């Protein structure tokens, strides 16, 4: 990219930031010099937005990502067309896109696919370190926004169908742990419980580490979530946690096998109290099948 064009991009971006409060002025700025309204401008906006995000200026970063999204759409482009140079860049870009699109997998997943070689165990540490640093340097409101975005991204990467499952789960776990540092049980009990539930699911599926320890962590997370996701306040979620506890105990390595299977049966039966065939047929069928499997497993142990 020649220096003249790059400077023109910076001039447009600076003018946009000056007129950020006026949509009419933004449109005037973009229409003033159409020669430079192209994919290069979108890419430069994204890079500048990353810089502001790394400095903790999330409002400006989100504004530039919003304009870049609209401009890319007008040009028939997708933000996923723009690759990241390193893991830090990918993280910032992924979080900005997650924030701007409210976690739309049709936008976030292509970005991850285009940078799939960067999604390894080191990316989990980049997420954890960046998240904790950004939160420590932010106001309470900004920290909440950052944590919420990381939570959405963690859910997306946990379900991402491509790449290495082992690494995707480590990234999700790192993200949920960052979220839990902001949405604590004392200040945000509902959000904390939801994060514990997601963390429990991640540990249940975790490939790295010892299976016995991962299951114990999953059980601990599910039981923690039940403190606030009670049958009275969140019956559906309560039922899902009971179902997942049933699965965790059926696979538990520690403890007596018979006792674990009895606990599994207890939790599946609890889930069926709220996940009835009439109200939640799919969940009812799942719990019934799981319960039948555990009862058969218990019978085979005698």
Protein backbone atom coordinates (compact mmCIF):
# COMPACT_ATOMS: atom_id res chain seq x y z
CA UNK A 1 0.00 0.00 0.00
CA UNK A 2 1.47 3.35 -1.06
CA UNK A 3 2.06 6.06 1.53
CA UNK A 4 -0.33 8.54 -0.10
CA UNK A 5 -3.25 6.09 0.03
CA UNK A 6 -2.47 5.08 3.60
CA UNK A 7 -2.38 8.73 4.67
CA UNK A 8 -5.71 9.29 2.94
CA UNK A 9 -7.18 6.40 4.94
CA UNK A 10 -5.87 7.90 8.19
CA UNK A 11 -7.31 11.30 7.25
CA UNK A 12 -10.75 9.76 6.65
CA UNK A 13 -10.59 7.85 9.93
CA UNK A 14 -9.54 10.97 11.86
CA UNK A 15 -12.41 12.91 10.31
CA UNK A 16 -14.84 10.14 11.21
CA UNK A 17 -13.67 10.25 14.81
CA UNK A 18 -14.16 14.03 14.90
CA UNK A 19 -17.71 13.64 13.60
CA UNK A 20 -18.52 10.46 15.51
CA UNK A 21 -21.68 11.90 17.02
CA UNK A 22 -23.26 12.77 13.68
CA UNK A 23 -24.36 10.10 11.19
CA UNK A 24 -24.87 12.78 8.55
CA UNK A 25 -21.29 14.01 8.94
CA UNK A 26 -20.01 10.42 8.81
CA UNK A 27 -21.77 9.90 5.48
CA UNK A 28 -20.41 13.21 4.17
CA UNK A 29 -16.89 12.20 5.16
CA UNK A 30 -17.10 8.84 3.39
CA UNK A 31 -18.60 10.40 0.27
CA UNK A 32 -16.07 13.24 0.11
CA UNK A 33 -13.36 11.16 -1.53
CA UNK A 34 -14.89 7.94 -2.96
CA UNK A 35 -11.57 6.92 -4.52
CA UNK A 36 -10.34 5.87 -1.08
CA UNK A 37 -13.51 4.17 0.12
CA UNK A 38 -12.47 0.59 -0.51
CA UNK A 39 -11.30 -2.63 1.13
CA UNK A 40 -8.06 -0.92 2.16
CA UNK A 41 -9.99 1.64 4.18
CA UNK A 42 -11.96 -1.12 5.90
CA UNK A 43 -8.74 -2.98 6.75
CA UNK A 44 -7.11 0.19 8.06
CA UNK A 45 -10.16 0.93 10.23
CA UNK A 46 -9.91 -2.55 11.71
CA UNK A 47 -6.20 -2.14 12.45
CA UNK A 48 -6.70 1.28 14.01
CA UNK A 49 -9.60 -0.12 16.03
CA UNK A 50 -7.33 -2.89 17.34
CA UNK A 51 -4.87 -0.26 18.48
CA UNK A 52 -7.51 1.66 20.41
CA UNK A 53 -8.79 -1.57 21.95
CA UNK A 54 -5.30 -2.54 23.09
CA UNK A 55 -5.03 0.89 24.73
CA UNK A 56 -8.30 0.28 26.57
CA UNK A 57 -10.35 2.75 24.51
CA UNK A 58 -13.21 0.38 23.76
CA UNK A 59 -15.71 3.08 22.78
CA UNK A 60 -13.56 4.31 19.88
CA UNK A 61 -12.68 0.74 18.88
CA UNK A 62 -16.35 -0.23 18.77
CA UNK A 63 -17.24 2.88 16.78
CA UNK A 64 -14.60 2.14 14.13
CA UNK A 65 -15.66 -1.50 13.96
CA UNK A 66 -19.26 -0.39 13.50
CA UNK A 67 -18.34 1.90 10.60
CA UNK A 68 -16.05 -0.79 9.13
CA UNK A 69 -18.90 -3.32 9.30
CA UNK A 70 -21.32 -1.00 7.53
CA UNK A 71 -18.75 -0.05 4.92
CA UNK A 72 -17.75 -3.66 4.28
CA UNK A 73 -21.40 -4.56 3.81
CA UNK A 74 -21.87 -1.68 1.34
CA UNK A 75 -18.81 -2.86 -0.61
CA UNK A 76 -20.00 -6.45 -0.67
CA UNK A 77 -17.24 -7.58 1.67
CA UNK A 78 -17.17 -9.48 4.95
CA UNK A 79 -15.05 -8.66 7.97
CA UNK A 80 -13.94 -12.27 7.91
CA UNK A 81 -12.10 -11.50 4.66
CA UNK A 82 -9.46 -9.60 6.64
CA UNK A 83 -6.91 -11.89 8.26
CA UNK A 84 -5.05 -11.15 11.48
CA UNK A 85 -1.26 -10.97 11.64
CA UNK A 86 -0.86 -12.60 15.05
CA UNK A 87 -2.83 -14.02 17.95
CA UNK A 88 -3.20 -10.66 19.69
CA UNK A 89 -4.59 -9.10 16.53
CA UNK A 90 -6.96 -12.01 16.02
CA UNK A 91 -8.23 -11.74 19.59
CA UNK A 92 -8.94 -8.03 19.29
CA UNK A 93 -10.59 -8.43 15.91
CA UNK A 94 -12.66 -11.40 17.08
CA UNK A 95 -13.87 -9.56 20.18
CA UNK A 96 -14.72 -6.43 18.20
CA UNK A 97 -16.65 -8.47 15.64
CA UNK A 98 -18.38 -10.39 18.44
CA UNK A 99 -19.39 -7.13 20.09
CA UNK A 100 -20.54 -5.48 16.87
CA UNK A 101 -22.57 -8.46 15.58
CA UNK A 102 -23.83 -9.58 19.01
CA UNK A 103 -22.06 -12.88 18.56
CA UNK A 104 -23.35 -13.75 15.10
CA UNK A 105 -21.62 -17.05 14.21
CA UNK A 106 -22.11 -16.34 10.49
CA UNK A 107 -19.62 -13.49 10.89
CA UNK A 108 -17.40 -14.70 13.73
CA UNK A 109 -16.85 -18.25 12.48
CA UNK A 110 -15.50 -17.27 9.02
CA UNK A 111 -13.02 -14.96 10.76
CA UNK A 112 -11.85 -17.84 12.94
CA UNK A 113 -11.71 -20.18 9.96
CA UNK A 114 -9.51 -17.77 8.01
CA UNK A 115 -7.10 -17.62 10.96
CA UNK A 116 -7.46 -21.18 12.17
CA UNK A 117 -3.70 -21.71 12.46
CA UNK A 118 -3.66 -19.12 15.28
CA UNK A 119 -6.18 -20.99 17.41
CA UNK A 120 -3.89 -23.07 19.61
CA UNK A 121 -3.20 -23.44 23.32
CA UNK A 122 -1.14 -20.24 23.28
CA UNK A 123 -4.21 -18.32 22.14
CA UNK A 124 -5.90 -19.33 25.39
CA UNK A 125 -3.12 -17.64 27.35
CA UNK A 126 -3.30 -14.57 25.12
CA UNK A 127 -7.02 -14.33 25.87
CA UNK A 128 -6.53 -14.84 29.60
CA UNK A 129 -3.70 -12.31 29.91
CA UNK A 130 -5.27 -9.70 27.66
CA UNK A 131 -8.63 -10.03 29.34
CA UNK A 132 -7.31 -9.67 32.88
CA UNK A 133 -5.11 -6.71 31.90
CA UNK A 134 -7.91 -4.93 30.03
CA UNK A 135 -10.33 -5.41 32.88
CA UNK A 136 -7.86 -4.19 35.50
CA UNK A 137 -7.33 -0.98 33.52
CA UNK A 138 -11.01 -0.31 32.83
CA UNK A 139 -13.87 1.31 34.68
CA UNK A 140 -16.53 -0.97 36.18
CA UNK A 141 -18.87 -0.39 33.25
CA UNK A 142 -16.16 -1.03 30.66
CA UNK A 143 -15.04 -4.15 32.52
CA UNK A 144 -18.59 -5.48 32.40
CA UNK A 145 -18.77 -4.86 28.65
CA UNK A 146 -15.44 -6.58 28.07
CA UNK A 147 -16.43 -9.57 30.22
CA UNK A 148 -19.79 -9.90 28.48
CA UNK A 149 -18.13 -9.90 25.06
CA UNK A 150 -15.53 -12.45 26.16
CA UNK A 151 -18.34 -14.62 27.51
CA UNK A 152 -20.16 -14.59 24.18
CA UNK A 153 -16.94 -15.29 22.29
CA UNK A 154 -16.09 -18.17 24.66
CA UNK A 155 -19.47 -19.78 23.96
CA UNK A 156 -18.84 -19.42 20.23
CA UNK A 157 -15.35 -20.92 20.32
CA UNK A 158 -16.61 -23.76 22.53
CA UNK A 159 -19.06 -24.73 19.78
CA UNK A 160 -16.75 -23.87 16.86
CA UNK A 161 -16.89 -26.95 14.60
CA UNK A 162 -13.49 -26.42 12.97
CA UNK A 163 -9.91 -26.41 14.21
CA UNK A 164 -8.66 -28.57 17.07
CA UNK A 165 -11.33 -29.35 19.62
CA UNK A 166 -8.69 -29.70 22.33
CA UNK A 167 -7.52 -26.10 21.80
CA UNK A 168 -10.99 -24.61 21.32
CA UNK A 169 -12.01 -25.92 24.73
CA UNK A 170 -8.90 -24.48 26.40
CA UNK A 171 -9.68 -21.09 24.86
CA UNK A 172 -13.27 -21.28 26.09
CA UNK A 173 -12.17 -22.21 29.62
CA UNK A 174 -9.73 -19.30 29.71
CA UNK A 175 -12.48 -16.94 28.61
CA UNK A 176 -14.99 -18.17 31.18
CA UNK A 177 -12.41 -17.77 33.93
CA UNK A 178 -11.86 -14.14 32.89
CA UNK A 179 -15.62 -13.56 32.88
CA UNK A 180 -15.92 -15.01 36.39
CA UNK A 181 -13.46 -12.41 37.67
CA UNK A 182 -15.96 -9.67 36.78
CA UNK A 183 -19.33 -11.37 37.14
CA UNK A 184 -18.84 -12.68 40.65
CA UNK A 185 -21.31 -14.61 42.78
CA UNK A 186 -21.73 -11.63 45.12
CA UNK A 187 -22.31 -8.92 42.53
CA UNK A 188 -23.81 -10.73 39.54
CA UNK A 189 -25.21 -14.07 40.79
CA UNK A 190 -27.26 -14.93 37.68
CA UNK A 191 -24.44 -14.17 35.23
CA UNK A 192 -21.95 -15.95 37.47
CA UNK A 193 -24.17 -19.04 37.61
CA UNK A 194 -24.55 -19.07 33.82
CA UNK A 195 -20.78 -18.84 33.44
CA UNK A 196 -20.28 -21.68 35.92
CA UNK A 197 -22.68 -23.80 33.90
CA UNK A 198 -20.76 -23.09 30.69
CA UNK A 199 -17.48 -23.76 32.45
CA UNK A 200 -18.85 -27.05 33.72
CA UNK A 201 -19.76 -28.06 30.17
CA UNK A 202 -16.26 -27.14 28.98
CA UNK A 203 -14.60 -29.19 31.71
CA UNK A 204 -16.92 -32.12 30.99
CA UNK A 205 -15.76 -32.14 27.37
CA UNK A 206 -12.15 -31.20 28.10
CA UNK A 207 -9.54 -33.33 26.39
CA UNK A 208 -6.39 -31.94 27.97
CA UNK A 209 -5.55 -32.82 31.58
CA UNK A 210 -6.61 -35.75 33.72
CA UNK A 211 -10.14 -37.03 33.10
CA UNK A 212 -10.76 -37.56 36.80
CA UNK A 213 -9.83 -33.98 37.67
CA UNK A 214 -11.80 -32.51 34.78
CA UNK A 215 -14.94 -34.32 35.88
CA UNK A 216 -14.48 -33.14 39.47
CA UNK A 217 -14.15 -29.56 38.24
CA UNK A 218 -17.25 -29.96 36.09
CA UNK A 219 -19.27 -31.27 39.05
CA UNK A 220 -18.04 -28.39 41.22
CA UNK A 221 -19.06 -25.85 38.57
CA UNK A 222 -22.52 -27.36 38.13
CA UNK A 223 -23.13 -27.46 41.87
CA UNK A 224 -22.00 -23.84 42.13
CA UNK A 225 -24.46 -22.84 39.40
CA UNK A 226 -27.29 -24.49 41.35
CA UNK A 227 -26.83 -21.92 44.12
CA UNK A 228 -28.63 -19.37 41.96
CA UNK A 229 -30.23 -21.34 39.14
CA UNK A 230 -32.78 -22.96 41.38
CA UNK A 231 -35.81 -24.96 40.35
CA UNK A 232 -38.08 -22.11 41.44
CA UNK A 233 -36.28 -19.26 39.67
CA UNK A 234 -34.77 -20.96 36.60
CA UNK A 235 -36.58 -24.29 36.13
CA UNK A 236 -35.32 -25.00 32.61
CA UNK A 237 -31.70 -24.17 33.46
CA UNK A 238 -32.02 -26.11 36.72
CA UNK A 239 -33.15 -29.14 34.73
CA UNK A 240 -30.23 -28.84 32.31
CA UNK A 241 -27.76 -28.65 35.18
CA UNK A 242 -29.33 -31.72 36.77
CA UNK A 243 -29.06 -33.57 33.47
CA UNK A 244 -25.40 -32.62 33.08
CA UNK A 245 -24.66 -33.60 36.65
CA UNK A 246 -26.20 -36.97 35.82
CA UNK A 247 -23.76 -37.33 32.94
CA UNK A 248 -20.81 -36.19 35.05
CA UNK A 249 -21.53 -38.67 37.85
CA UNK A 250 -22.04 -41.52 35.39
CA UNK A 251 -18.52 -40.86 34.04
CA UNK A 252 -16.93 -40.06 37.41
CA UNK A 253 -13.63 -41.78 38.13
CA UNK A 254 -13.26 -40.87 41.79
CA UNK A 255 -15.43 -42.42 44.48
CA UNK A 256 -17.39 -45.67 44.59
CA UNK A 257 -18.85 -46.68 41.24
CA UNK A 258 -22.23 -47.69 42.69
CA UNK A 259 -22.56 -44.44 44.62
CA UNK A 260 -21.70 -42.43 41.52
CA UNK A 261 -24.30 -44.28 39.47
CA UNK A 262 -26.91 -43.73 42.20
CA UNK A 263 -26.08 -40.01 42.16
CA UNK A 264 -26.36 -40.00 38.37
CA UNK A 265 -29.81 -41.61 38.51
CA UNK A 266 -30.88 -39.10 41.16
CA UNK A 267 -29.91 -36.13 38.98
CA UNK A 268 -31.52 -37.52 35.82
CA UNK A 269 -34.76 -38.14 37.74
CA UNK A 270 -34.58 -34.59 39.07
CA UNK A 271 -34.19 -33.25 35.54
CA UNK A 272 -37.31 -35.14 34.46
CA UNK A 273 -39.32 -33.31 37.13
CA UNK A 274 -39.15 -30.14 35.06
CA UNK A 275 -38.22 -31.43 31.61
CA UNK A 276 -41.51 -33.18 31.06
CA UNK A 277 -42.58 -34.76 27.79
CA UNK A 278 -45.25 -32.11 27.30
CA UNK A 279 -43.13 -29.05 28.10
CA UNK A 280 -39.72 -30.05 26.73
CA UNK A 281 -40.01 -33.19 24.56
CA UNK A 282 -36.42 -33.14 23.29
CA UNK A 283 -34.91 -32.63 26.74
CA UNK A 284 -37.29 -35.25 28.17
CA UNK A 285 -36.19 -37.79 25.57
CA UNK A 286 -32.53 -37.02 26.25
CA UNK A 287 -32.90 -37.46 30.01
CA UNK A 288 -34.93 -40.67 29.58
CA UNK A 289 -32.28 -42.17 27.30
CA UNK A 290 -29.49 -41.14 29.66
CA UNK A 291 -31.37 -42.53 32.65
CA UNK A 292 -31.98 -45.85 30.91
CA UNK A 293 -28.30 -46.11 30.05
CA UNK A 294 -27.18 -45.52 33.62
CA UNK A 295 -29.69 -48.01 35.02
CA UNK A 296 -28.43 -50.60 32.58
CA UNK A 297 -24.85 -49.76 33.52
CA UNK A 298 -25.69 -50.17 37.20
CA UNK A 299 -27.34 -53.52 36.53
CA UNK A 300 -24.27 -54.75 34.70
CA UNK A 301 -22.14 -54.01 37.78
CA UNK A 302 -23.93 -56.65 39.80
